[in-house]
Amino acid sequence: MSPEDKDRRQQILDAAQKVFAQKGFEGASIKDLAKAAKISPGLLYWYFKDKSDLFASLVSERIKMAFGLLPENVSFDLPPEEFLPQFGRFYITMFELPMNNALFKVMIANVSSFPPAVREARSNVIHQVLDTLQGYFQAQVELGRMRPCDTEMAARTFMGSLVAYLLLKHILQDQRAEGLTVDQIVDGIADVVLHGILSADQ
């Protein structure tokens, strides 16, 4: 793909994110998307097969962009008690950027009606996050910093708690979630995942 095509493709993705955020997946038409990108519908089809392909590409690109920032914001050399709050803080911060938050809401609102291409992109995102965290946990077990455990369950427990917080705050608009700071959330979740809830002598 030429530099010009790459720029045009990015232009379409940036415009599409705004349209999907405003109108949702079902409400956004190809005409709306093309108009926002300042191109013809025919040219949009040159870059993307259809609306589903555009949305799936948008989700994948935004996650790829976020993961590209991960090494600058999170150190995988840190021990778990430092790494987990740092990772959680980064994850929540990225999701609470206005456009990413809007995209998250679109994905939740259309969870049962997305076509296969979009469902596959969503699954890839979930797997990428879980695989990254599971790989970290496995490395920590091998270093002796964590006891041997089911690292996939550890990853799912940590990420599930973060996603639950985001759902409660941004979708269900739970006032108690609104009152919690990001530091309270990530520190609390990390503490429970690492130390459990039983007393030390149990």
N, C-alpha and C. Protein backbone atom coordinates (compact mmCIF):
# COMPACT_ATOMS: atom_id res chain seq x y z
N MET A 1 0.85 -1.19 0.00
CA MET A 1 0.00 0.00 0.00
C MET A 1 0.89 1.25 0.00
N SER A 2 0.59 2.18 -0.89
CA SER A 2 1.39 3.39 -1.01
C SER A 2 1.17 4.30 0.19
N PRO A 3 2.09 5.23 0.46
CA PRO A 3 1.89 6.19 1.56
C PRO A 3 0.58 6.96 1.44
N GLU A 4 0.23 7.29 0.21
CA GLU A 4 -1.03 8.02 -0.02
C GLU A 4 -2.23 7.17 0.38
N ASP A 5 -2.19 5.89 0.01
CA ASP A 5 -3.28 4.98 0.37
C ASP A 5 -3.36 4.78 1.88
N LYS A 6 -2.20 4.69 2.53
CA LYS A 6 -2.18 4.54 3.98
C LYS A 6 -2.80 5.75 4.67
N ASP A 7 -2.47 6.94 4.16
CA ASP A 7 -3.03 8.17 4.73
C ASP A 7 -4.54 8.22 4.52
N ARG A 8 -4.98 7.82 3.33
CA ARG A 8 -6.41 7.85 3.04
C ARG A 8 -7.16 6.83 3.90
N ARG A 9 -6.56 5.67 4.07
CA ARG A 9 -7.18 4.64 4.91
C ARG A 9 -7.31 5.13 6.35
N GLN A 10 -6.27 5.79 6.85
CA GLN A 10 -6.31 6.32 8.21
C GLN A 10 -7.36 7.42 8.32
N GLN A 11 -7.48 8.23 7.29
CA GLN A 11 -8.49 9.29 7.24
C GLN A 11 -9.89 8.69 7.38
N ILE A 12 -10.14 7.59 6.68
CA ILE A 12 -11.43 6.92 6.74
C ILE A 12 -11.69 6.35 8.14
N LEU A 13 -10.67 5.72 8.72
CA LEU A 13 -10.81 5.13 10.05
C LEU A 13 -11.10 6.20 11.11
N ASP A 14 -10.39 7.32 11.04
CA ASP A 14 -10.60 8.40 12.01
C ASP A 14 -12.02 8.96 11.90
N ALA A 15 -12.47 9.15 10.67
CA ALA A 15 -13.83 9.66 10.47
C ALA A 15 -14.87 8.64 10.90
N ALA A 16 -14.61 7.37 10.61
CA ALA A 16 -15.55 6.31 10.96
C ALA A 16 -15.73 6.20 12.47
N GLN A 17 -14.65 6.38 13.22
CA GLN A 17 -14.75 6.28 14.68
C GLN A 17 -15.73 7.32 15.22
N LYS A 18 -15.69 8.51 14.67
CA LYS A 18 -16.60 9.57 15.11
C LYS A 18 -18.05 9.25 14.73
N VAL A 19 -18.24 8.72 13.52
CA VAL A 19 -19.60 8.40 13.06
C VAL A 19 -20.18 7.25 13.88
N PHE A 20 -19.41 6.20 14.08
CA PHE A 20 -19.89 5.07 14.88
C PHE A 20 -20.19 5.50 16.32
N ALA A 21 -19.37 6.41 16.84
CA ALA A 21 -19.58 6.90 18.20
C ALA A 21 -20.90 7.67 18.31
N GLN A 22 -21.24 8.40 17.26
CA GLN A 22 -22.46 9.22 17.27
C GLN A 22 -23.71 8.42 16.94
N LYS A 23 -23.60 7.49 15.97
CA LYS A 23 -24.79 6.82 15.44
C LYS A 23 -24.88 5.34 15.76
N GLY A 24 -23.80 4.78 16.33
CA GLY A 24 -23.80 3.34 16.59
C GLY A 24 -23.51 2.56 15.32
N PHE A 25 -23.36 1.26 15.47
CA PHE A 25 -23.03 0.43 14.30
C PHE A 25 -24.20 0.34 13.33
N GLU A 26 -25.38 0.05 13.85
CA GLU A 26 -26.55 -0.10 12.98
C GLU A 26 -26.96 1.22 12.34
N GLY A 27 -26.83 2.31 13.10
CA GLY A 27 -27.30 3.60 12.60
C GLY A 27 -26.38 4.26 11.59
N ALA A 28 -25.13 3.86 11.55
CA ALA A 28 -24.17 4.47 10.62
C ALA A 28 -24.29 3.81 9.25
N SER A 29 -24.53 4.60 8.24
CA SER A 29 -24.62 4.08 6.87
C SER A 29 -23.30 4.33 6.13
N ILE A 30 -23.13 3.61 5.04
CA ILE A 30 -21.94 3.83 4.20
C ILE A 30 -21.90 5.28 3.72
N LYS A 31 -23.05 5.82 3.41
CA LYS A 31 -23.12 7.21 2.97
C LYS A 31 -22.63 8.15 4.08
N ASP A 32 -23.05 7.89 5.32
CA ASP A 32 -22.60 8.71 6.46
C ASP A 32 -21.09 8.62 6.63
N LEU A 33 -20.57 7.40 6.53
CA LEU A 33 -19.15 7.16 6.73
C LEU A 33 -18.31 7.83 5.65
N ALA A 34 -18.77 7.72 4.41
CA ALA A 34 -18.04 8.32 3.29
C ALA A 34 -18.07 9.85 3.39
N LYS A 35 -19.23 10.38 3.76
CA LYS A 35 -19.35 11.84 3.88
C LYS A 35 -18.42 12.38 4.96
N ALA A 36 -18.35 11.69 6.09
CA ALA A 36 -17.48 12.13 7.18
C ALA A 36 -16.02 12.08 6.78
N ALA A 37 -15.66 11.11 5.94
CA ALA A 37 -14.28 10.97 5.48
C ALA A 37 -13.99 11.86 4.27
N LYS A 38 -15.03 12.53 3.77
CA LYS A 38 -14.91 13.44 2.62
C LYS A 38 -14.45 12.70 1.36
N ILE A 39 -15.05 11.52 1.15
CA ILE A 39 -14.79 10.73 -0.04
C ILE A 39 -16.11 10.20 -0.57
N SER A 40 -16.09 9.60 -1.72
CA SER A 40 -17.30 9.00 -2.28
C SER A 40 -17.51 7.61 -1.69
N PRO A 41 -18.76 7.12 -1.64
CA PRO A 41 -19.00 5.75 -1.17
C PRO A 41 -18.21 4.72 -1.98
N GLY A 42 -18.08 4.97 -3.27
CA GLY A 42 -17.33 4.04 -4.11
C GLY A 42 -15.87 3.93 -3.70
N LEU A 43 -15.28 5.07 -3.34
CA LEU A 43 -13.88 5.05 -2.92
C LEU A 43 -13.72 4.34 -1.57
N LEU A 44 -14.72 4.49 -0.71
CA LEU A 44 -14.67 3.80 0.58
C LEU A 44 -14.61 2.29 0.36
N TYR A 45 -15.38 1.80 -0.61
CA TYR A 45 -15.38 0.37 -0.92
C TYR A 45 -14.05 -0.09 -1.50
N TRP A 46 -13.24 0.82 -1.98
CA TRP A 46 -11.92 0.46 -2.48
C TRP A 46 -11.01 0.02 -1.32
N TYR A 47 -11.24 0.64 -0.16
CA TYR A 47 -10.40 0.36 1.00
C TYR A 47 -11.00 -0.69 1.95
N PHE A 48 -12.33 -0.77 1.97
CA PHE A 48 -12.99 -1.71 2.88
C PHE A 48 -14.14 -2.41 2.14
N LYS A 49 -14.31 -3.70 2.42
CA LYS A 49 -15.32 -4.49 1.71
C LYS A 49 -16.73 -3.98 2.00
N ASP A 50 -17.00 -3.65 3.25
CA ASP A 50 -18.32 -3.19 3.66
C ASP A 50 -18.22 -2.54 5.03
N LYS A 51 -19.35 -2.20 5.60
CA LYS A 51 -19.36 -1.52 6.90
C LYS A 51 -18.77 -2.41 8.00
N SER A 52 -19.05 -3.70 7.93
CA SER A 52 -18.52 -4.63 8.93
C SER A 52 -17.00 -4.69 8.88
N ASP A 53 -16.47 -4.73 7.67
CA ASP A 53 -15.01 -4.77 7.49
C ASP A 53 -14.38 -3.49 8.02
N LEU A 54 -15.04 -2.36 7.79
CA LEU A 54 -14.54 -1.07 8.28
C LEU A 54 -14.54 -1.05 9.81
N PHE A 55 -15.63 -1.49 10.42
CA PHE A 55 -15.70 -1.45 11.88
C PHE A 55 -14.70 -2.43 12.50
N ALA A 56 -14.59 -3.62 11.92
CA ALA A 56 -13.63 -4.61 12.43
C ALA A 56 -12.21 -4.08 12.31
N SER A 57 -11.91 -3.42 11.20
CA SER A 57 -10.57 -2.84 11.01
C SER A 57 -10.33 -1.72 12.01
N LEU A 58 -11.36 -0.93 12.28
CA LEU A 58 -11.24 0.16 13.25
C LEU A 58 -10.91 -0.38 14.64
N VAL A 59 -11.64 -1.40 15.06
CA VAL A 59 -11.39 -2.00 16.38
C VAL A 59 -9.96 -2.54 16.45
N SER A 60 -9.56 -3.26 15.42
CA SER A 60 -8.22 -3.86 15.40
C SER A 60 -7.13 -2.79 15.40
N GLU A 61 -7.33 -1.73 14.63
CA GLU A 61 -6.32 -0.66 14.54
C GLU A 61 -6.19 0.08 15.87
N ARG A 62 -7.31 0.34 16.52
CA ARG A 62 -7.25 1.08 17.78
C ARG A 62 -6.58 0.25 18.88
N ILE A 63 -6.83 -1.04 18.89
CA ILE A 63 -6.19 -1.90 19.86
C ILE A 63 -4.70 -2.02 19.55
N LYS A 64 -4.37 -2.13 18.28
CA LYS A 64 -2.96 -2.19 17.87
C LYS A 64 -2.24 -0.92 18.30
N MET A 65 -2.91 0.22 18.16
CA MET A 65 -2.33 1.50 18.55
C MET A 65 -2.09 1.54 20.06
N ALA A 66 -3.09 1.04 20.82
CA ALA A 66 -2.96 1.03 22.28
C ALA A 66 -1.82 0.12 22.72
N PHE A 67 -1.74 -1.05 22.11
CA PHE A 67 -0.67 -1.98 22.48
C PHE A 67 0.70 -1.44 22.08
N GLY A 68 0.74 -0.60 21.07
CA GLY A 68 2.00 0.02 20.69
C GLY A 68 2.50 0.97 21.77
N LEU A 69 1.58 1.52 22.56
CA LEU A 69 1.95 2.44 23.64
C LEU A 69 2.28 1.70 24.94
N LEU A 70 1.95 0.42 24.99
CA LEU A 70 2.11 -0.35 26.22
C LEU A 70 3.54 -0.34 26.76
N PRO A 71 4.57 -0.60 25.94
CA PRO A 71 5.94 -0.63 26.47
C PRO A 71 6.40 0.71 27.06
N GLU A 72 5.82 1.82 26.58
CA GLU A 72 6.20 3.13 27.08
C GLU A 72 5.56 3.43 28.44
N ASN A 73 4.49 2.69 28.76
CA ASN A 73 3.72 3.00 29.96
C ASN A 73 3.73 1.91 31.03
N VAL A 74 4.12 0.71 30.64
CA VAL A 74 4.09 -0.42 31.57
C VAL A 74 5.39 -1.19 31.44
N SER A 75 6.04 -1.47 32.58
CA SER A 75 7.27 -2.23 32.58
C SER A 75 6.99 -3.69 32.95
N PHE A 76 7.26 -4.59 32.02
CA PHE A 76 7.02 -6.01 32.26
C PHE A 76 8.09 -6.63 33.14
N ASP A 77 9.10 -5.86 33.54
CA ASP A 77 10.13 -6.34 34.46
C ASP A 77 9.74 -6.14 35.92
N LEU A 78 8.70 -5.39 36.16
CA LEU A 78 8.28 -5.11 37.53
C LEU A 78 7.68 -6.35 38.18
N PRO A 79 7.78 -6.46 39.51
CA PRO A 79 7.10 -7.55 40.21
C PRO A 79 5.59 -7.32 40.17
N PRO A 80 4.79 -8.37 40.40
CA PRO A 80 3.33 -8.28 40.25
C PRO A 80 2.67 -7.15 41.04
N GLU A 81 3.12 -6.90 42.27
CA GLU A 81 2.47 -5.87 43.10
C GLU A 81 2.66 -4.46 42.53
N GLU A 82 3.65 -4.29 41.66
CA GLU A 82 3.84 -3.00 40.98
C GLU A 82 3.29 -3.03 39.56
N PHE A 83 3.46 -4.17 38.91
CA PHE A 83 3.02 -4.29 37.51
C PHE A 83 1.51 -4.20 37.36
N LEU A 84 0.75 -4.94 38.18
CA LEU A 84 -0.70 -5.00 37.99
C LEU A 84 -1.37 -3.64 38.11
N PRO A 85 -1.07 -2.82 39.14
CA PRO A 85 -1.67 -1.49 39.17
C PRO A 85 -1.26 -0.64 37.95
N GLN A 86 -0.01 -0.78 37.51
CA GLN A 86 0.44 -0.01 36.35
C GLN A 86 -0.30 -0.44 35.08
N PHE A 87 -0.43 -1.75 34.90
CA PHE A 87 -1.15 -2.28 33.73
C PHE A 87 -2.62 -1.87 33.78
N GLY A 88 -3.23 -2.01 34.96
CA GLY A 88 -4.64 -1.64 35.11
C GLY A 88 -4.89 -0.17 34.86
N ARG A 89 -3.98 0.67 35.35
CA ARG A 89 -4.11 2.12 35.16
C ARG A 89 -4.02 2.46 33.66
N PHE A 90 -3.09 1.82 32.96
CA PHE A 90 -2.95 2.06 31.53
C PHE A 90 -4.21 1.62 30.79
N TYR A 91 -4.71 0.44 31.11
CA TYR A 91 -5.88 -0.12 30.43
C TYR A 91 -7.10 0.79 30.60
N ILE A 92 -7.35 1.21 31.84
CA ILE A 92 -8.51 2.07 32.09
C ILE A 92 -8.34 3.43 31.42
N THR A 93 -7.14 3.99 31.49
CA THR A 93 -6.88 5.29 30.87
C THR A 93 -7.13 5.24 29.37
N MET A 94 -6.67 4.18 28.72
CA MET A 94 -6.88 4.06 27.28
C MET A 94 -8.36 3.92 26.94
N PHE A 95 -9.09 3.14 27.73
CA PHE A 95 -10.51 2.94 27.45
C PHE A 95 -11.34 4.18 27.77
N GLU A 96 -10.85 5.03 28.65
CA GLU A 96 -11.63 6.21 29.00
C GLU A 96 -11.31 7.43 28.14
N LEU A 97 -10.42 7.28 27.16
CA LEU A 97 -10.28 8.34 26.16
C LEU A 97 -11.62 8.45 25.43
N PRO A 98 -12.12 9.67 25.21
CA PRO A 98 -13.49 9.85 24.69
C PRO A 98 -13.86 8.97 23.49
N MET A 99 -13.03 8.92 22.47
CA MET A 99 -13.38 8.15 21.29
C MET A 99 -13.33 6.64 21.55
N ASN A 100 -12.37 6.21 22.35
CA ASN A 100 -12.28 4.79 22.69
C ASN A 100 -13.47 4.38 23.56
N ASN A 101 -13.86 5.27 24.46
CA ASN A 101 -15.00 5.00 25.32
C ASN A 101 -16.27 4.87 24.48
N ALA A 102 -16.42 5.73 23.49
CA ALA A 102 -17.59 5.66 22.62
C ALA A 102 -17.60 4.36 21.81
N LEU A 103 -16.43 3.95 21.36
CA LEU A 103 -16.31 2.70 20.61
C LEU A 103 -16.67 1.51 21.50
N PHE A 104 -16.22 1.55 22.74
CA PHE A 104 -16.54 0.52 23.73
C PHE A 104 -18.05 0.40 23.90
N LYS A 105 -18.74 1.54 24.00
CA LYS A 105 -20.19 1.54 24.18
C LYS A 105 -20.90 0.96 22.95
N VAL A 106 -20.39 1.26 21.77
CA VAL A 106 -20.98 0.70 20.55
C VAL A 106 -20.84 -0.81 20.55
N MET A 107 -19.67 -1.30 20.97
CA MET A 107 -19.44 -2.75 20.99
C MET A 107 -20.35 -3.44 21.99
N ILE A 108 -20.60 -2.81 23.13
CA ILE A 108 -21.49 -3.38 24.13
C ILE A 108 -22.93 -3.35 23.65
N ALA A 109 -23.35 -2.24 23.07
CA ALA A 109 -24.73 -2.07 22.65
C ALA A 109 -25.12 -3.03 21.53
N ASN A 110 -24.16 -3.44 20.72
CA ASN A 110 -24.45 -4.29 19.56
C ASN A 110 -23.87 -5.70 19.72
N VAL A 111 -23.65 -6.10 20.95
CA VAL A 111 -22.93 -7.34 21.21
C VAL A 111 -23.56 -8.56 20.55
N SER A 112 -24.89 -8.61 20.44
CA SER A 112 -25.55 -9.79 19.89
C SER A 112 -25.83 -9.70 18.40
N SER A 113 -25.69 -8.51 17.81
CA SER A 113 -26.08 -8.34 16.41
C SER A 113 -24.91 -8.12 15.46
N PHE A 114 -23.68 -8.10 15.98
CA PHE A 114 -22.53 -7.88 15.12
C PHE A 114 -22.37 -9.04 14.13
N PRO A 115 -21.99 -8.73 12.90
CA PRO A 115 -21.68 -9.78 11.93
C PRO A 115 -20.40 -10.52 12.31
N PRO A 116 -20.14 -11.69 11.70
CA PRO A 116 -18.99 -12.51 12.06
C PRO A 116 -17.64 -11.78 12.05
N ALA A 117 -17.41 -10.92 11.07
CA ALA A 117 -16.12 -10.22 10.97
C ALA A 117 -15.85 -9.37 12.20
N VAL A 118 -16.90 -8.73 12.70
CA VAL A 118 -16.74 -7.86 13.87
C VAL A 118 -16.57 -8.71 15.13
N ARG A 119 -17.34 -9.79 15.22
CA ARG A 119 -17.20 -10.68 16.38
C ARG A 119 -15.80 -11.27 16.44
N GLU A 120 -15.25 -11.59 15.29
CA GLU A 120 -13.89 -12.14 15.24
C GLU A 120 -12.87 -11.10 15.70
N ALA A 121 -13.03 -9.86 15.25
CA ALA A 121 -12.11 -8.79 15.67
C ALA A 121 -12.20 -8.57 17.17
N ARG A 122 -13.41 -8.61 17.70
CA ARG A 122 -13.61 -8.43 19.14
C ARG A 122 -12.94 -9.57 19.92
N SER A 123 -13.10 -10.78 19.43
CA SER A 123 -12.47 -11.94 20.08
C SER A 123 -10.95 -11.83 20.05
N ASN A 124 -10.42 -11.35 18.94
CA ASN A 124 -8.97 -11.18 18.82
C ASN A 124 -8.44 -10.18 19.84
N VAL A 125 -9.22 -9.13 20.07
CA VAL A 125 -8.84 -8.12 21.06
C VAL A 125 -8.77 -8.75 22.45
N ILE A 126 -9.82 -9.49 22.80
CA ILE A 126 -9.88 -10.13 24.11
C ILE A 126 -8.72 -11.10 24.29
N HIS A 127 -8.47 -11.91 23.27
CA HIS A 127 -7.39 -12.89 23.36
C HIS A 127 -6.03 -12.22 23.48
N GLN A 128 -5.84 -11.11 22.76
CA GLN A 128 -4.56 -10.42 22.81
C GLN A 128 -4.28 -9.88 24.22
N VAL A 129 -5.30 -9.30 24.84
CA VAL A 129 -5.12 -8.76 26.19
C VAL A 129 -4.85 -9.90 27.18
N LEU A 130 -5.66 -10.96 27.10
CA LEU A 130 -5.48 -12.08 28.03
C LEU A 130 -4.14 -12.77 27.82
N ASP A 131 -3.75 -12.96 26.56
CA ASP A 131 -2.46 -13.61 26.28
C ASP A 131 -1.29 -12.80 26.82
N THR A 132 -1.38 -11.47 26.69
CA THR A 132 -0.32 -10.61 27.20
C THR A 132 -0.18 -10.74 28.71
N LEU A 133 -1.31 -10.69 29.39
CA LEU A 133 -1.29 -10.77 30.84
C LEU A 133 -0.91 -12.18 31.32
N GLN A 134 -1.43 -13.20 30.63
CA GLN A 134 -1.09 -14.57 31.01
C GLN A 134 0.41 -14.84 30.82
N GLY A 135 0.97 -14.31 29.76
CA GLY A 135 2.40 -14.47 29.52
C GLY A 135 3.23 -13.83 30.63
N TYR A 136 2.78 -12.67 31.10
CA TYR A 136 3.47 -12.02 32.21
C TYR A 136 3.39 -12.89 33.46
N PHE A 137 2.19 -13.37 33.78
CA PHE A 137 2.03 -14.21 34.97
C PHE A 137 2.89 -15.46 34.90
N GLN A 138 2.94 -16.08 33.74
CA GLN A 138 3.74 -17.29 33.58
C GLN A 138 5.22 -17.00 33.84
N ALA A 139 5.68 -15.87 33.33
CA ALA A 139 7.07 -15.48 33.55
C ALA A 139 7.35 -15.24 35.03
N GLN A 140 6.37 -14.67 35.74
CA GLN A 140 6.54 -14.41 37.17
C GLN A 140 6.57 -15.70 37.99
N VAL A 141 5.78 -16.69 37.56
CA VAL A 141 5.81 -18.00 38.21
C VAL A 141 7.19 -18.62 38.04
N GLU A 142 7.72 -18.53 36.83
CA GLU A 142 9.04 -19.11 36.55
C GLU A 142 10.15 -18.40 37.32
N LEU A 143 9.96 -17.11 37.60
CA LEU A 143 10.95 -16.35 38.37
C LEU A 143 10.81 -16.58 39.88
N GLY A 144 9.75 -17.26 40.27
CA GLY A 144 9.52 -17.50 41.69
C GLY A 144 8.83 -16.36 42.41
N ARG A 145 8.35 -15.36 41.67
CA ARG A 145 7.66 -14.24 42.29
C ARG A 145 6.19 -14.56 42.58
N MET A 146 5.65 -15.55 41.87
CA MET A 146 4.27 -16.00 42.08
C MET A 146 4.28 -17.51 42.29
N ARG A 147 3.34 -17.99 43.07
CA ARG A 147 3.23 -19.42 43.24
C ARG A 147 2.67 -20.04 41.96
N PRO A 148 2.95 -21.29 41.68
CA PRO A 148 2.35 -21.95 40.52
C PRO A 148 0.83 -21.90 40.60
N CYS A 149 0.20 -21.47 39.53
CA CYS A 149 -1.26 -21.34 39.52
C CYS A 149 -1.75 -21.42 38.08
N ASP A 150 -3.06 -21.42 37.91
CA ASP A 150 -3.65 -21.38 36.58
C ASP A 150 -3.54 -19.94 36.09
N THR A 151 -2.55 -19.67 35.26
CA THR A 151 -2.27 -18.28 34.87
C THR A 151 -3.38 -17.69 33.99
N GLU A 152 -4.09 -18.54 33.25
CA GLU A 152 -5.22 -18.01 32.48
C GLU A 152 -6.32 -17.52 33.40
N MET A 153 -6.61 -18.28 34.45
CA MET A 153 -7.63 -17.84 35.41
C MET A 153 -7.20 -16.58 36.14
N ALA A 154 -5.91 -16.48 36.43
CA ALA A 154 -5.40 -15.27 37.08
C ALA A 154 -5.60 -14.06 36.16
N ALA A 155 -5.28 -14.24 34.87
CA ALA A 155 -5.46 -13.16 33.90
C ALA A 155 -6.92 -12.79 33.75
N ARG A 156 -7.79 -13.79 33.68
CA ARG A 156 -9.23 -13.53 33.53
C ARG A 156 -9.81 -12.85 34.77
N THR A 157 -9.33 -13.23 35.94
CA THR A 157 -9.81 -12.62 37.17
C THR A 157 -9.45 -11.14 37.22
N PHE A 158 -8.20 -10.83 36.88
CA PHE A 158 -7.76 -9.43 36.91
C PHE A 158 -8.49 -8.60 35.85
N MET A 159 -8.48 -9.08 34.61
CA MET A 159 -9.11 -8.31 33.52
C MET A 159 -10.62 -8.25 33.69
N GLY A 160 -11.22 -9.34 34.18
CA GLY A 160 -12.66 -9.34 34.39
C GLY A 160 -13.08 -8.27 35.38
N SER A 161 -12.26 -8.06 36.41
CA SER A 161 -12.57 -7.03 37.39
C SER A 161 -12.46 -5.63 36.80
N LEU A 162 -11.45 -5.41 35.95
CA LEU A 162 -11.31 -4.11 35.29
C LEU A 162 -12.49 -3.83 34.36
N VAL A 163 -12.87 -4.84 33.57
CA VAL A 163 -13.98 -4.67 32.63
C VAL A 163 -15.29 -4.45 33.39
N ALA A 164 -15.47 -5.16 34.51
CA ALA A 164 -16.68 -4.97 35.32
C ALA A 164 -16.77 -3.53 35.81
N TYR A 165 -15.65 -2.97 36.24
CA TYR A 165 -15.62 -1.57 36.67
C TYR A 165 -16.04 -0.63 35.53
N LEU A 166 -15.49 -0.87 34.33
CA LEU A 166 -15.82 -0.03 33.19
C LEU A 166 -17.28 -0.16 32.81
N LEU A 167 -17.82 -1.36 32.87
CA LEU A 167 -19.24 -1.58 32.56
C LEU A 167 -20.13 -0.86 33.58
N LEU A 168 -19.80 -1.03 34.85
CA LEU A 168 -20.60 -0.39 35.90
C LEU A 168 -20.57 1.13 35.77
N LYS A 169 -19.41 1.66 35.48
CA LYS A 169 -19.27 3.12 35.43
C LYS A 169 -19.87 3.71 34.15
N HIS A 170 -19.55 3.13 33.00
CA HIS A 170 -19.89 3.78 31.74
C HIS A 170 -21.17 3.27 31.08
N ILE A 171 -21.58 2.06 31.38
CA ILE A 171 -22.79 1.51 30.77
C ILE A 171 -23.95 1.54 31.75
N LEU A 172 -23.75 1.00 32.95
CA LEU A 172 -24.82 0.97 33.95
C LEU A 172 -24.87 2.24 34.78
N GLN A 173 -23.84 3.09 34.66
CA GLN A 173 -23.78 4.38 35.34
C GLN A 173 -24.00 4.25 36.85
N ASP A 174 -23.29 3.31 37.43
CA ASP A 174 -23.34 3.07 38.86
C ASP A 174 -22.65 4.21 39.60
N GLN A 175 -23.36 4.86 40.52
CA GLN A 175 -22.81 6.02 41.21
C GLN A 175 -21.64 5.65 42.11
N ARG A 176 -21.64 4.46 42.68
CA ARG A 176 -20.53 4.05 43.53
C ARG A 176 -19.26 3.88 42.70
N ALA A 177 -19.41 3.40 41.47
CA ALA A 177 -18.26 3.28 40.58
C ALA A 177 -17.74 4.66 40.20
N GLU A 178 -18.67 5.60 40.00
CA GLU A 178 -18.28 6.97 39.66
C GLU A 178 -17.43 7.59 40.77
N GLY A 179 -17.72 7.20 42.02
CA GLY A 179 -17.03 7.81 43.14
C GLY A 179 -15.65 7.25 43.43
N LEU A 180 -15.27 6.18 42.72
CA LEU A 180 -13.97 5.56 42.94
C LEU A 180 -12.92 6.12 41.98
N THR A 181 -11.74 6.36 42.49
CA THR A 181 -10.65 6.81 41.62
C THR A 181 -10.03 5.61 40.91
N VAL A 182 -9.33 5.87 39.83
CA VAL A 182 -8.65 4.80 39.10
C VAL A 182 -7.64 4.11 40.01
N ASP A 183 -6.93 4.89 40.82
CA ASP A 183 -5.95 4.30 41.73
C ASP A 183 -6.61 3.36 42.73
N GLN A 184 -7.76 3.76 43.27
CA GLN A 184 -8.48 2.89 44.19
C GLN A 184 -8.86 1.57 43.52
N ILE A 185 -9.33 1.67 42.30
CA ILE A 185 -9.77 0.49 41.56
C ILE A 185 -8.60 -0.46 41.30
N VAL A 186 -7.55 0.05 40.68
CA VAL A 186 -6.45 -0.84 40.27
C VAL A 186 -5.69 -1.38 41.48
N ASP A 187 -5.52 -0.55 42.50
CA ASP A 187 -4.83 -1.03 43.71
C ASP A 187 -5.66 -2.08 44.43
N GLY A 188 -6.96 -1.86 44.49
CA GLY A 188 -7.85 -2.81 45.17
C GLY A 188 -7.93 -4.14 44.44
N ILE A 189 -8.07 -4.09 43.13
CA ILE A 189 -8.15 -5.32 42.35
C ILE A 189 -6.83 -6.09 42.44
N ALA A 190 -5.72 -5.37 42.31
CA ALA A 190 -4.41 -6.02 42.40
C ALA A 190 -4.23 -6.69 43.75
N ASP A 191 -4.65 -6.04 44.82
CA ASP A 191 -4.51 -6.59 46.16
C ASP A 191 -5.30 -7.88 46.31
N VAL A 192 -6.54 -7.88 45.83
CA VAL A 192 -7.38 -9.08 45.95
C VAL A 192 -6.82 -10.22 45.10
N VAL A 193 -6.39 -9.92 43.87
CA VAL A 193 -5.84 -10.96 43.00
C VAL A 193 -4.56 -11.55 43.60
N LEU A 194 -3.72 -10.71 44.15
CA LEU A 194 -2.42 -11.18 44.66
C LEU A 194 -2.51 -11.82 46.04
N HIS A 195 -3.41 -11.32 46.90
CA HIS A 195 -3.43 -11.78 48.28
C HIS A 195 -4.72 -12.47 48.69
N GLY A 196 -5.75 -12.45 47.85
CA GLY A 196 -7.00 -13.08 48.21
C GLY A 196 -7.75 -12.32 49.27
N ILE A 197 -8.74 -12.98 49.87
CA ILE A 197 -9.57 -12.31 50.88
C ILE A 197 -9.56 -13.02 52.21
N LEU A 198 -8.88 -14.16 52.30
CA LEU A 198 -8.79 -14.87 53.57
C LEU A 198 -7.65 -14.31 54.41
N SER A 199 -7.76 -14.44 55.73
CA SER A 199 -6.70 -13.97 56.60
C SER A 199 -5.46 -14.83 56.41
N ALA A 200 -4.32 -14.33 56.82
CA ALA A 200 -3.05 -14.99 56.57
C ALA A 200 -2.96 -16.37 57.21
N ASP A 201 -3.71 -16.60 58.31
CA ASP A 201 -3.61 -17.88 59.00
C ASP A 201 -4.64 -18.91 58.55
N GLN A 202 -5.38 -18.57 57.48
CA GLN A 202 -6.38 -19.53 56.96
C GLN A 202 -5.71 -20.58 56.07
